[in-house]
Amino acid sequence: MILRVCALYPDLMNIYADRGNLLMLERRCAWRGIGWQLHESTLGEPLHDEHDLYYIGGGQDADQRRCAFDLLDRKADALRAAAARGAVVLGVCGGYQLLGHSYQLGEETIPGIGLLDVHTVRSDEPRLIGNVALRLAEGTIAGFENHAGRTQLTDGQAPLGRVLRGHGNDGRSGFEGARRGSVIGTYVHGPLLPKNAWFCDWLTARALHVEAQSLAPLEDSLELAAHDAALRAAGVSG
C-alpha cells in the first residue's frame, strides 16, 4: 500500500505546527511498511484528483484570503471530486474555515468551497484559546485551540465531536469541528495528530479504504502518554 498525500499551501497555511501532522502520518506509515508519497500544491498550481489524503493547515487572515481565491479558481473541482470518491480531506483551523461556505471578516466575505456545510464569522469578542478535548464516536481527541472565528453548523451538518473541555466551534454550541463523509474540519491543533495517534491511524485507514484494526499494531507507549497528557491539560481524565 502507498498513502498518497497532498499538502495544500504548506508555505502559507502552516502557523500551528501543521507540518507535525504530516510527519506523524509519514512516520506511522514507514513503521508499518506502508509507502508514502507527498505532493505540495501552493498558489498558482493546479490540483489533480490523484491523492488519498488532502491536508490544509492554518494561516494568517491575509494568507488565508490569498489561498481562498486560489482554492476556488484552481483547486476546488479536483478537491470536490476527490471528496466524492472518498479521499480524506482534512482542514485544521484556517483550513477548516476554507472547507466551509464562507469566512466573514467585517464587511468582507472570504469564500470557501462548501465541502462542509458551515459558515464562520470573525468575532470582536476575545479569542477562543486554550486546551480542548472532544469526544467522537470513535474516541477522544485533545489538543489546543486559538481562533477568533465563530463557526456555525447548518442544519444537517454533523460536528466532528462534542466538547468535553474548551470552547469548540463557537464557545456556546458544545460542538467542535465538522465532518461529512471523508471531509473533516477542526480547530484542534498543537499539532493534532501527534497527540492523537489513534486518530492519525483512523485517517490513514480511511484514506487507504481499509479498516483501522487491519493496520499493523505499533508500540505506542509514548503516543498514548502524549494523548493522556493532552487530555489532562484540558482537565479530562484519560
Protein backbone atom coordinates (compact mmCIF):
# COMPACT_ATOMS: atom_id res chain seq x y z
CA MET A 1 0.00 0.00 0.00
CA ILE A 2 1.03 3.59 -0.62
CA LEU A 3 -0.50 6.62 1.09
CA ARG A 4 -0.50 9.49 -1.40
CA VAL A 5 -0.79 12.81 0.44
CA CYS A 6 -1.22 16.32 -0.91
CA ALA A 7 -0.39 19.26 1.36
CA LEU A 8 -2.19 22.40 0.24
CA TYR A 9 -0.34 25.71 0.69
CA PRO A 10 2.26 24.34 3.15
CA ASP A 11 4.29 27.54 2.73
CA LEU A 12 1.37 29.78 3.76
CA MET A 13 -1.03 27.71 5.87
CA ASN A 14 1.40 26.41 8.45
CA ILE A 15 1.36 28.51 11.63
CA TYR A 16 0.23 25.91 14.17
CA ALA A 17 2.95 23.26 13.83
CA ASP A 18 0.93 21.83 10.95
CA ARG A 19 3.91 20.01 9.48
CA GLY A 20 3.89 17.86 12.59
CA ASN A 21 0.69 16.30 11.32
CA LEU A 22 2.34 15.33 8.03
CA LEU A 23 5.37 13.97 9.87
CA MET A 24 3.14 11.83 12.10
CA LEU A 25 1.37 10.36 9.09
CA GLU A 26 4.68 9.68 7.35
CA ARG A 27 6.40 8.01 10.32
CA ARG A 28 3.50 5.73 11.18
CA CYS A 29 3.28 4.63 7.56
CA ALA A 30 7.02 3.94 7.50
CA TRP A 31 6.88 1.90 10.70
CA ARG A 32 4.17 -0.24 9.14
CA GLY A 33 5.85 -0.65 5.77
CA ILE A 34 3.24 1.48 4.02
CA GLY A 35 4.63 3.55 1.17
CA TRP A 36 4.47 7.34 1.32
CA GLN A 37 4.20 9.97 -1.36
CA LEU A 38 3.93 13.67 -0.53
CA HIS A 39 2.98 16.32 -3.05
CA GLU A 40 2.78 20.02 -2.20
CA SER A 41 0.43 22.35 -4.06
CA THR A 42 0.60 26.10 -3.48
CA LEU A 43 -0.58 29.31 -5.14
CA GLY A 44 -0.93 29.22 -8.90
CA GLU A 45 -0.66 25.44 -9.21
CA PRO A 46 -3.49 23.25 -10.48
CA LEU A 47 -4.63 20.37 -8.30
CA HIS A 48 -5.16 16.85 -9.61
CA ASP A 49 -7.56 14.28 -8.23
CA GLU A 50 -4.93 11.60 -7.64
CA HIS A 51 -4.24 11.57 -3.89
CA ASP A 52 -5.64 9.62 -0.97
CA LEU A 53 -5.46 12.40 1.62
CA TYR A 54 -5.52 16.18 1.20
CA TYR A 55 -4.40 18.40 4.05
CA ILE A 56 -4.65 22.15 4.64
CA GLY A 57 -3.47 23.84 7.84
CA GLY A 58 -3.93 27.21 9.48
CA GLY A 59 -2.75 30.63 8.39
CA GLN A 60 -2.98 34.35 8.99
CA ASP A 61 -6.02 36.15 7.60
CA ALA A 62 -4.03 37.71 4.75
CA ASP A 63 -2.60 34.35 3.66
CA GLN A 64 -5.96 32.67 4.12
CA ARG A 65 -7.52 35.26 1.81
CA ARG A 66 -4.94 34.57 -0.92
CA CYS A 67 -5.38 30.83 -0.58
CA ALA A 68 -9.17 31.05 -0.62
CA PHE A 69 -9.36 32.57 -4.09
CA ASP A 70 -6.68 30.26 -5.45
CA LEU A 71 -8.53 27.31 -3.95
CA LEU A 72 -11.72 28.33 -5.72
CA ASP A 73 -10.07 29.13 -9.05
CA ARG A 74 -7.55 26.33 -9.40
CA LYS A 75 -8.25 23.51 -6.97
CA ALA A 76 -11.91 23.31 -5.96
CA ASP A 77 -13.08 20.98 -8.75
CA ALA A 78 -10.35 18.42 -8.07
CA LEU A 79 -10.87 18.61 -4.32
CA ARG A 80 -14.61 18.11 -4.66
CA ALA A 81 -14.04 15.17 -6.99
CA ALA A 82 -11.58 13.65 -4.53
CA ALA A 83 -14.04 14.00 -1.65
CA ALA A 84 -16.80 12.47 -3.77
CA ARG A 85 -14.75 9.32 -4.35
CA GLY A 86 -13.88 9.01 -0.66
CA ALA A 87 -10.45 10.61 -0.39
CA VAL A 88 -9.80 12.14 3.03
CA VAL A 89 -9.80 15.95 3.15
CA LEU A 90 -8.56 17.35 6.48
CA GLY A 91 -8.66 21.05 7.31
CA VAL A 92 -7.26 22.46 10.56
CA CYS A 93 -8.18 25.93 11.86
CA GLY A 94 -7.98 28.24 8.83
CA GLY A 95 -8.08 25.19 6.59
CA TYR A 96 -11.31 24.15 8.31
CA GLN A 97 -12.83 27.56 7.59
CA LEU A 98 -11.90 27.32 3.91
CA LEU A 99 -13.68 23.96 3.63
CA GLY A 100 -16.92 25.69 4.66
CA HIS A 101 -19.04 28.14 2.70
CA SER A 102 -17.52 31.41 3.89
CA TYR A 103 -15.40 33.29 6.41
CA GLN A 104 -16.78 36.72 7.25
CA LEU A 105 -14.17 39.38 8.09
CA GLY A 106 -16.10 42.54 8.92
CA GLU A 107 -17.63 43.69 5.65
CA GLU A 108 -15.54 41.26 3.62
CA THR A 109 -16.63 37.72 2.82
CA ILE A 110 -13.85 35.23 2.07
CA PRO A 111 -15.40 32.38 0.07
CA GLY A 112 -14.91 28.73 0.91
CA ILE A 113 -15.52 25.70 -1.27
CA GLY A 114 -18.52 24.30 0.60
CA LEU A 115 -17.31 20.77 1.31
CA LEU A 116 -18.59 21.32 4.85
CA ASP A 117 -21.92 23.00 5.50
CA VAL A 118 -20.58 25.64 7.88
CA HIS A 119 -20.17 29.42 7.99
CA THR A 120 -17.56 31.30 10.02
CA VAL A 121 -17.58 34.89 11.27
CA ARG A 122 -14.57 36.57 12.82
CA SER A 123 -15.71 37.94 16.18
CA ASP A 124 -14.60 41.07 18.01
CA GLU A 125 -15.04 39.17 21.28
CA PRO A 126 -11.99 37.58 22.95
CA ARG A 127 -10.30 34.79 21.03
CA LEU A 128 -11.18 31.23 21.94
CA ILE A 129 -7.89 29.99 23.34
CA GLY A 130 -6.84 27.07 25.48
CA ASN A 131 -6.60 23.32 25.84
CA VAL A 132 -9.52 21.45 24.36
CA ALA A 133 -10.86 17.92 24.40
CA LEU A 134 -13.75 16.41 22.49
CA ARG A 135 -15.46 13.08 22.19
CA LEU A 136 -16.09 11.37 18.88
CA ALA A 137 -17.98 8.14 18.38
CA GLU A 138 -14.58 6.50 17.79
CA GLY A 139 -12.64 8.00 20.72
CA THR A 140 -11.36 11.22 22.28
CA ILE A 141 -9.25 13.98 20.76
CA ALA A 142 -7.21 16.50 22.74
CA GLY A 143 -5.10 19.47 21.77
CA PHE A 144 -5.08 23.25 21.70
CA GLU A 145 -7.34 25.85 20.10
CA ASN A 146 -6.71 29.51 19.26
CA HIS A 147 -9.21 31.18 16.96
CA ALA A 148 -11.23 34.37 16.64
CA GLY A 149 -13.64 32.80 14.18
CA ARG A 150 -17.01 31.51 15.36
CA THR A 151 -18.15 28.64 13.19
CA GLN A 152 -21.80 27.69 12.91
CA LEU A 153 -23.03 24.34 11.60
CA THR A 154 -26.12 24.49 9.44
CA ASP A 155 -28.98 22.06 9.98
CA GLY A 156 -27.94 18.57 8.97
CA GLN A 157 -24.19 19.18 9.28
CA ALA A 158 -22.64 16.80 11.81
CA PRO A 159 -19.91 18.06 14.15
CA LEU A 160 -16.63 16.24 14.45
CA GLY A 161 -17.34 15.75 18.16
CA ARG A 162 -18.84 17.12 21.35
CA VAL A 163 -16.73 19.38 23.54
CA LEU A 164 -15.61 17.86 26.85
CA ARG A 165 -13.48 20.86 27.81
CA GLY A 166 -12.70 24.05 25.94
CA HIS A 167 -14.60 26.25 23.53
CA GLY A 168 -15.09 24.33 20.29
CA ASN A 169 -16.62 25.93 17.22
CA ASP A 170 -18.16 28.98 18.86
CA GLY A 171 -17.86 28.72 22.64
CA ARG A 172 -21.59 28.10 23.01
CA SER A 173 -22.93 25.16 21.00
CA GLY A 174 -20.86 22.41 22.62
CA PHE A 175 -19.75 21.21 19.19
CA GLU A 176 -16.24 21.06 17.76
CA GLY A 177 -15.34 20.73 14.12
CA ALA A 178 -17.41 19.20 11.37
CA ARG A 179 -17.38 16.01 9.35
CA ARG A 180 -19.14 14.96 6.18
CA GLY A 181 -18.15 11.62 4.74
CA SER A 182 -14.37 11.70 4.45
CA VAL A 183 -14.15 15.51 4.82
CA ILE A 184 -13.13 16.70 8.29
CA GLY A 185 -12.56 20.15 9.75
CA THR A 186 -11.37 21.03 13.25
CA TYR A 187 -9.86 23.83 15.32
CA VAL A 188 -7.70 21.38 17.30
CA HIS A 189 -4.00 21.89 16.70
CA GLY A 190 -0.80 21.97 18.62
CA PRO A 191 -0.40 19.80 16.37
CA LEU A 192 -3.42 17.49 16.14
CA LEU A 193 -2.11 14.08 15.13
CA PRO A 194 0.96 13.56 17.37
CA LYS A 195 -1.32 13.97 20.40
CA ASN A 196 -3.95 11.66 18.95
CA ALA A 197 -2.23 8.68 17.33
CA TRP A 198 -5.45 6.69 17.12
CA PHE A 199 -6.99 9.46 15.01
CA CYS A 200 -3.93 9.51 12.76
CA ASP A 201 -4.43 5.78 12.17
CA TRP A 202 -8.15 6.25 11.61
CA LEU A 203 -7.45 8.86 8.91
CA THR A 204 -4.81 6.65 7.31
CA ALA A 205 -7.14 3.66 7.19
CA ARG A 206 -9.97 5.78 5.82
CA ALA A 207 -7.70 7.17 3.10
CA LEU A 208 -6.49 3.68 2.16
CA HIS A 209 -10.03 2.24 2.30
CA VAL A 210 -9.16 -0.37 4.90
CA GLU A 211 -10.33 -0.99 8.45
CA ALA A 212 -8.27 0.76 11.14
CA GLN A 213 -7.84 -2.52 13.03
CA SER A 214 -6.22 -4.06 9.96
CA LEU A 215 -3.22 -1.74 10.31
CA ALA A 216 -0.22 -3.41 11.95
CA PRO A 217 -0.07 -2.59 15.70
CA LEU A 218 2.72 -0.30 16.88
CA GLU A 219 4.48 0.16 20.22
CA ASP A 220 2.60 3.28 21.22
CA SER A 221 3.52 3.89 24.86
CA LEU A 222 4.88 7.38 24.12
CA GLU A 223 1.97 8.25 21.87
CA LEU A 224 -0.54 7.10 24.50
CA ALA A 225 1.30 9.12 27.16
CA ALA A 226 1.15 12.21 24.93
CA HIS A 227 -2.57 11.71 24.43
CA ASP A 228 -3.22 11.27 28.15
CA ALA A 229 -1.12 14.36 28.95
CA ALA A 230 -3.11 16.43 26.44
CA LEU A 231 -6.37 15.22 27.99
CA ARG A 232 -5.16 16.07 31.50
CA ALA A 233 -4.08 19.53 30.32
CA ALA A 234 -7.65 20.06 29.18
CA GLY A 235 -8.97 18.81 32.54
CA VAL A 236 -10.16 15.41 31.32
CA SER A 237 -9.00 12.10 32.78
CA GLY A 238 -7.55 9.63 30.32
